[in-house]
Amino acid sequence: MPYVGKVHPIEHLRYVARAHGVDPAGLVSETAHALGSMHFDAAGLVVACRRIVERHPFAGPLWWLCANVATSSEPFDAVWELAEQVHSDRTASELAAALPDEADVVTIGDPSVIGSGLARRGDVRVLALDIDHSATSFVRRLERNDVDYEPVDAGAAGTVAQVADVVLVEALALDADRVIVPSGSTTIAACAAAFDTPVWLVAGIGRRLPTEFIDAMVVRRDAIAADQDEWTIDVEVLPTRLVTDIVGPHGIMPMGPPAARPECPLAAELLRTPAM
C-alpha cells in the first residue's frame, strides 16, 4: 500500500481502515504514520486504535502495534519505535537460514514473510499450493527471484505434504493453543502431521498476542460464519498441536508456550466494542 502523502491523520486512518489485500507490515507502517501524527488529538488515540483493529480483525501486527501504543506512557514515541521493529524484522532471514539445503517446501496462497525468506534461497524447490488463484502473485515473486517452484492444485495437498521436507504455514496471529492462519493452512498442516512431515509456523514480529485478543478474533470469525459458509472465509483457526516448530525473529524453536509468549500487553480498551 503506497504512502498517501500529506493528508489529515484522520483521513489517513480511514484510508488504512479501507485497505484490503495489504501485507501486515505495510498496514503497520501506514497505521504508525497516521497515529504518529495525532498529537493534536491524543485523547482520540485509543479510539483510533480500536477502530483500526475492528476493520482489520485478523491482522496480528496491528493488534500488537495498537496494544503497545494504547498502553504506553509515551505513545507518540512508541509508535515510531514499533514501526521500526517491524521494518527490521529478521524472521524472513531466520527462515532462510533454517531451511535444509535443497529442500522441497510446501506453501499455500500468498504468504508475505515466507515469500521474503524463500527469495533469499536459491537451492530450494517450492511446491506452491493454490486456492482460487490466491498464489498467483506469490509464484510471480518466486519467479522474479529465480526460486524454483511448482504450482500445485490444492487438491494435491496430501501428496505434496507427504513428499516435502517441510511444510511452511504463515501466522497472522497466535497464542499458545491457536493460530489464526490463511484458509487452507489447516489442511496442509493436518496432512503433514499424518505423514510426520515437519510443520514450521512462520511468525514475524507482532503475531504473538495475549489469549484475549485471539479469543476476540475467533469470536469475530464465528460471527462472520453465521452469515456465510465456513469455507468462504479467508482465515481459519489452526491448533498449535499440528505445528512442530516456530520460526521468528530470533530463529527457530519447538512449538510450545515459550515460543508463543505475547509480545504486547493486554489492552482491554481494544476489546470494548460491540463488534468484538
Protein backbone atom coordinates (compact mmCIF):
# COMPACT_ATOMS: atom_id res chain seq x y z
CA MET A 1 0.00 0.00 0.00
CA PRO A 2 1.76 3.20 -1.10
CA TYR A 3 2.14 6.10 1.29
CA VAL A 4 -0.71 8.55 0.68
CA GLY A 5 1.26 11.75 1.20
CA LYS A 6 0.46 14.72 3.43
CA VAL A 7 -3.14 14.18 4.41
CA HIS A 8 -5.03 14.76 7.63
CA PRO A 9 -4.29 11.93 10.12
CA ILE A 10 -7.98 11.03 10.43
CA GLU A 11 -8.30 10.73 6.65
CA HIS A 12 -5.12 8.68 6.63
CA LEU A 13 -6.61 6.30 9.22
CA ARG A 14 -9.77 5.98 7.14
CA TYR A 15 -7.59 5.09 4.17
CA VAL A 16 -5.84 2.38 6.20
CA ALA A 17 -9.15 1.07 7.52
CA ARG A 18 -10.48 0.64 3.98
CA ALA A 19 -7.33 -1.07 2.68
CA HIS A 20 -7.59 -4.72 1.66
CA GLY A 21 -5.08 -7.23 0.38
CA VAL A 22 -2.14 -5.44 2.01
CA ASP A 23 0.53 -7.37 3.89
CA PRO A 24 0.57 -6.80 7.67
CA ALA A 25 3.93 -5.00 7.64
CA GLY A 26 2.53 -2.47 5.16
CA LEU A 27 -0.55 -1.95 7.32
CA VAL A 28 1.62 -1.37 10.40
CA SER A 29 3.75 1.18 8.58
CA GLU A 30 0.77 3.18 7.32
CA THR A 31 -1.04 2.97 10.66
CA ALA A 32 2.08 4.11 12.51
CA HIS A 33 2.38 7.15 10.25
CA ALA A 34 -1.26 8.06 10.87
CA LEU A 35 -1.20 7.51 14.64
CA GLY A 36 2.11 9.31 14.98
CA SER A 37 0.54 12.43 13.51
CA MET A 38 -2.28 12.61 16.06
CA HIS A 39 -0.59 14.92 18.61
CA PHE A 40 -3.48 17.31 18.12
CA ASP A 41 -5.91 14.66 19.42
CA ALA A 42 -4.10 12.50 21.96
CA ALA A 43 -7.42 11.66 23.65
CA GLY A 44 -8.66 10.12 20.40
CA LEU A 45 -5.64 7.83 20.03
CA VAL A 46 -7.21 4.81 21.76
CA VAL A 47 -10.45 5.24 19.83
CA ALA A 48 -8.46 5.33 16.59
CA CYS A 49 -6.60 2.16 17.60
CA ARG A 50 -9.87 0.41 18.41
CA ARG A 51 -11.36 1.31 15.04
CA ILE A 52 -8.30 0.07 13.19
CA VAL A 53 -8.44 -3.42 14.74
CA GLU A 54 -12.21 -3.51 14.19
CA ARG A 55 -11.62 -3.04 10.46
CA HIS A 56 -8.67 -5.45 10.31
CA PRO A 57 -9.65 -8.01 12.98
CA PHE A 58 -7.24 -10.76 11.89
CA ALA A 59 -4.08 -8.69 11.36
CA GLY A 60 -1.99 -9.65 14.39
CA PRO A 61 0.69 -6.98 13.92
CA LEU A 62 -1.96 -4.25 14.02
CA TRP A 63 -3.27 -5.55 17.36
CA TRP A 64 0.34 -5.65 18.58
CA LEU A 65 1.00 -2.08 17.42
CA CYS A 66 -2.24 -0.70 18.84
CA ALA A 67 -1.92 -2.55 22.16
CA ASN A 68 1.61 -1.27 22.70
CA VAL A 69 0.64 2.29 21.73
CA ALA A 70 -2.55 2.29 23.84
CA THR A 71 -0.68 1.18 26.97
CA SER A 72 2.45 3.30 26.51
CA SER A 73 3.19 6.33 28.69
CA GLU A 74 4.78 7.94 25.60
CA PRO A 75 2.61 6.64 22.74
CA PHE A 76 3.88 9.07 20.09
CA ASP A 77 7.46 7.95 20.65
CA ALA A 78 6.47 4.31 20.91
CA VAL A 79 4.64 4.22 17.60
CA TRP A 80 7.78 5.07 15.61
CA GLU A 81 9.89 2.58 17.57
CA LEU A 82 7.33 -0.15 16.89
CA ALA A 83 7.20 0.65 13.19
CA GLU A 84 10.99 0.36 13.06
CA GLN A 85 10.83 -3.05 14.76
CA VAL A 86 8.53 -4.33 12.03
CA HIS A 87 10.73 -2.79 9.33
CA SER A 88 13.79 -4.53 10.85
CA ASP A 89 12.07 -7.90 11.40
CA ARG A 90 14.59 -10.72 10.87
CA THR A 91 12.05 -13.54 10.56
CA ALA A 92 12.49 -13.95 6.80
CA SER A 93 16.28 -14.12 7.18
CA GLU A 94 15.96 -16.64 10.01
CA LEU A 95 13.68 -18.80 7.88
CA ALA A 96 16.15 -18.72 5.01
CA ALA A 97 18.97 -19.75 7.35
CA ALA A 98 16.98 -22.58 8.97
CA LEU A 99 15.78 -24.35 5.82
CA PRO A 100 17.66 -27.54 4.91
CA ASP A 101 19.84 -27.47 1.80
CA GLU A 102 17.96 -28.27 -1.43
CA ALA A 103 14.72 -28.74 0.49
CA ASP A 104 11.29 -29.26 -1.02
CA VAL A 105 8.94 -26.94 0.88
CA VAL A 106 5.15 -26.61 0.74
CA THR A 107 3.34 -23.28 0.93
CA ILE A 108 -0.24 -22.18 0.35
CA GLY A 109 -1.62 -18.94 -1.00
CA ASP A 110 0.43 -15.75 -0.85
CA PRO A 111 2.48 -15.71 2.38
CA SER A 112 4.46 -12.47 2.61
CA VAL A 113 7.11 -13.32 5.24
CA ILE A 114 7.63 -16.82 3.86
CA GLY A 115 8.00 -15.32 0.39
CA SER A 116 10.72 -12.97 1.61
CA GLY A 117 12.57 -15.86 3.24
CA LEU A 118 12.38 -18.14 0.21
CA ALA A 119 13.60 -15.33 -2.05
CA ARG A 120 16.89 -15.48 -0.13
CA ARG A 121 17.45 -19.14 -1.03
CA GLY A 122 18.44 -20.33 -4.49
CA ASP A 123 18.55 -24.04 -3.74
CA VAL A 124 15.02 -24.88 -2.57
CA ARG A 125 12.01 -26.04 -4.57
CA VAL A 126 8.67 -24.57 -3.57
CA LEU A 127 5.53 -26.65 -4.02
CA ALA A 128 3.10 -23.75 -4.11
CA LEU A 129 -0.48 -24.81 -3.40
CA ASP A 130 -3.12 -22.59 -4.94
CA ILE A 131 -6.76 -21.93 -3.98
CA ASP A 132 -8.78 -19.77 -6.38
CA HIS A 133 -5.62 -18.20 -7.83
CA SER A 134 -4.52 -16.92 -4.40
CA ALA A 135 -0.92 -17.96 -5.12
CA THR A 136 -0.60 -16.05 -8.40
CA SER A 137 1.35 -13.08 -7.04
CA PHE A 138 3.39 -15.40 -4.81
CA VAL A 139 4.69 -17.56 -7.68
CA ARG A 140 5.44 -14.42 -9.69
CA ARG A 141 7.54 -13.20 -6.79
CA LEU A 142 9.39 -16.52 -6.70
CA GLU A 143 9.92 -16.31 -10.44
CA ARG A 144 11.39 -12.80 -10.21
CA ASN A 145 13.86 -14.07 -7.60
CA ASP A 146 14.82 -17.20 -9.59
CA VAL A 147 13.39 -19.56 -6.97
CA ASP A 148 12.46 -22.99 -8.31
CA TYR A 149 8.76 -23.65 -7.86
CA GLU A 150 5.95 -25.94 -8.91
CA PRO A 151 2.39 -24.59 -8.85
CA VAL A 152 0.19 -27.33 -7.39
CA ASP A 153 -3.59 -27.55 -7.13
CA ALA A 154 -4.74 -27.52 -3.51
CA GLY A 155 -6.45 -30.86 -4.10
CA ALA A 156 -2.99 -32.47 -4.05
CA ALA A 157 -2.22 -31.19 -0.54
CA GLY A 158 -1.90 -34.70 0.90
CA THR A 159 0.56 -35.81 -1.75
CA VAL A 160 2.85 -32.79 -1.56
CA ALA A 161 2.80 -32.84 2.25
CA GLN A 162 3.96 -36.44 2.14
CA VAL A 163 6.89 -35.86 -0.22
CA ALA A 164 8.06 -32.49 1.12
CA ASP A 165 10.87 -31.90 3.59
CA VAL A 166 8.90 -29.23 5.45
CA VAL A 167 5.51 -27.53 5.30
CA LEU A 168 5.52 -23.77 5.90
CA VAL A 169 2.49 -22.00 7.37
CA GLU A 170 2.35 -18.24 7.90
CA ALA A 171 0.78 -16.98 11.13
CA LEU A 172 -1.48 -13.94 11.18
CA ALA A 173 -1.74 -14.11 14.98
CA LEU A 174 -1.29 -16.75 17.68
CA ASP A 175 -1.32 -17.74 21.33
CA ALA A 176 -0.08 -20.99 22.87
CA ASP A 177 -3.04 -23.04 21.61
CA ARG A 178 -4.35 -21.43 18.43
CA VAL A 179 -3.07 -19.75 15.30
CA ILE A 180 -5.08 -17.50 13.01
CA VAL A 181 -3.96 -18.55 9.53
CA PRO A 182 -4.99 -18.10 5.88
CA SER A 183 -7.61 -20.57 4.69
CA GLY A 184 -6.20 -23.90 3.59
CA SER A 185 -3.38 -23.85 6.13
CA THR A 186 -5.05 -26.35 8.48
CA THR A 187 -5.39 -28.80 5.59
CA ILE A 188 -1.71 -28.83 4.75
CA ALA A 189 -0.72 -28.91 8.44
CA ALA A 190 -3.01 -31.87 9.12
CA CYS A 191 -1.77 -33.72 6.05
CA ALA A 192 1.83 -33.10 7.11
CA ALA A 193 1.09 -34.38 10.62
CA ALA A 194 -0.36 -37.58 9.14
CA PHE A 195 2.93 -38.27 7.35
CA ASP A 196 5.27 -36.96 10.08
CA THR A 197 6.42 -34.10 7.86
CA PRO A 198 7.62 -31.12 9.95
CA VAL A 199 5.26 -28.13 10.04
CA TRP A 200 7.01 -24.81 10.60
CA LEU A 201 4.91 -21.86 11.67
CA VAL A 202 6.46 -18.64 10.38
CA ALA A 203 5.52 -15.87 12.80
CA GLY A 204 7.08 -12.46 12.31
CA ILE A 205 7.11 -9.65 14.84
CA GLY A 206 3.70 -8.79 16.25
CA ARG A 207 1.99 -12.14 15.76
CA ARG A 208 2.26 -13.45 19.34
CA LEU A 209 -0.65 -11.94 21.25
CA PRO A 210 -2.50 -12.26 24.56
CA THR A 211 -5.11 -15.00 24.58
CA GLU A 212 -7.91 -12.45 24.93
CA PHE A 213 -7.02 -10.96 21.54
CA ILE A 214 -7.10 -14.40 19.91
CA ASP A 215 -10.44 -15.03 21.62
CA ALA A 216 -11.75 -11.83 20.01
CA MET A 217 -10.57 -12.97 16.59
CA VAL A 218 -12.25 -16.34 16.98
CA VAL A 219 -15.49 -14.66 18.07
CA ARG A 220 -15.29 -12.36 15.04
CA ARG A 221 -14.73 -15.28 12.70
CA ASP A 222 -17.66 -17.17 14.23
CA ALA A 223 -19.85 -14.11 13.68
CA ILE A 224 -18.84 -13.99 10.02
CA ALA A 225 -19.54 -17.72 9.72
CA ALA A 226 -23.08 -17.15 10.96
CA ASP A 227 -23.78 -15.16 7.78
CA GLN A 228 -21.84 -17.14 5.18
CA ASP A 229 -20.45 -20.60 4.52
CA GLU A 230 -17.41 -21.54 6.64
CA TRP A 231 -15.34 -22.45 3.61
CA THR A 232 -15.74 -18.98 2.05
CA ILE A 233 -13.98 -17.20 4.92
CA ASP A 234 -10.36 -16.33 4.17
CA VAL A 235 -8.98 -17.16 7.63
CA GLU A 236 -9.22 -20.20 9.88
CA VAL A 237 -8.04 -21.38 13.29
CA LEU A 238 -5.15 -23.85 13.42
CA PRO A 239 -4.45 -25.79 16.64
CA THR A 240 -0.80 -25.40 17.60
CA ARG A 241 -0.62 -29.15 18.28
CA LEU A 242 -0.30 -29.56 14.48
CA VAL A 243 2.84 -27.38 14.48
CA THR A 244 6.28 -28.84 15.18
CA ASP A 245 8.39 -25.66 15.18
CA ILE A 246 8.02 -21.90 15.05
CA VAL A 247 10.30 -19.54 13.13
CA GLY A 248 10.53 -15.97 14.35
CA PRO A 249 12.93 -13.03 14.52
CA HIS A 250 15.19 -14.95 16.93
CA GLY A 251 15.40 -18.16 14.92
CA ILE A 252 13.63 -21.50 15.06
CA MET A 253 12.43 -23.25 18.21
CA PRO A 254 10.00 -26.05 19.10
CA MET A 255 6.35 -25.05 19.23
CA GLY A 256 5.22 -24.54 22.82
CA PRO A 257 4.21 -21.86 25.33
CA PRO A 258 7.66 -20.20 25.45
CA ALA A 259 7.58 -19.77 21.68
CA ALA A 260 4.13 -18.16 21.85
CA ARG A 261 4.78 -15.71 24.69
CA PRO A 262 2.85 -12.47 23.97
CA GLU A 263 4.82 -9.59 22.51
CA CYS A 264 2.44 -6.94 23.82
CA PRO A 265 0.37 -6.23 26.93
CA LEU A 266 -3.35 -6.83 27.06
CA ALA A 267 -5.02 -3.55 26.18
CA ALA A 268 -8.61 -4.14 27.26
CA GLU A 269 -9.58 -0.84 25.61
CA LEU A 270 -9.27 -2.51 22.21
CA LEU A 271 -11.92 -5.07 23.14
CA ARG A 272 -14.60 -2.60 24.26
CA THR A 273 -16.65 -2.67 21.12
CA PRO A 274 -19.91 -4.42 20.18
CA ALA A 275 -18.30 -5.88 17.05
CA MET A 276 -15.82 -7.93 19.06
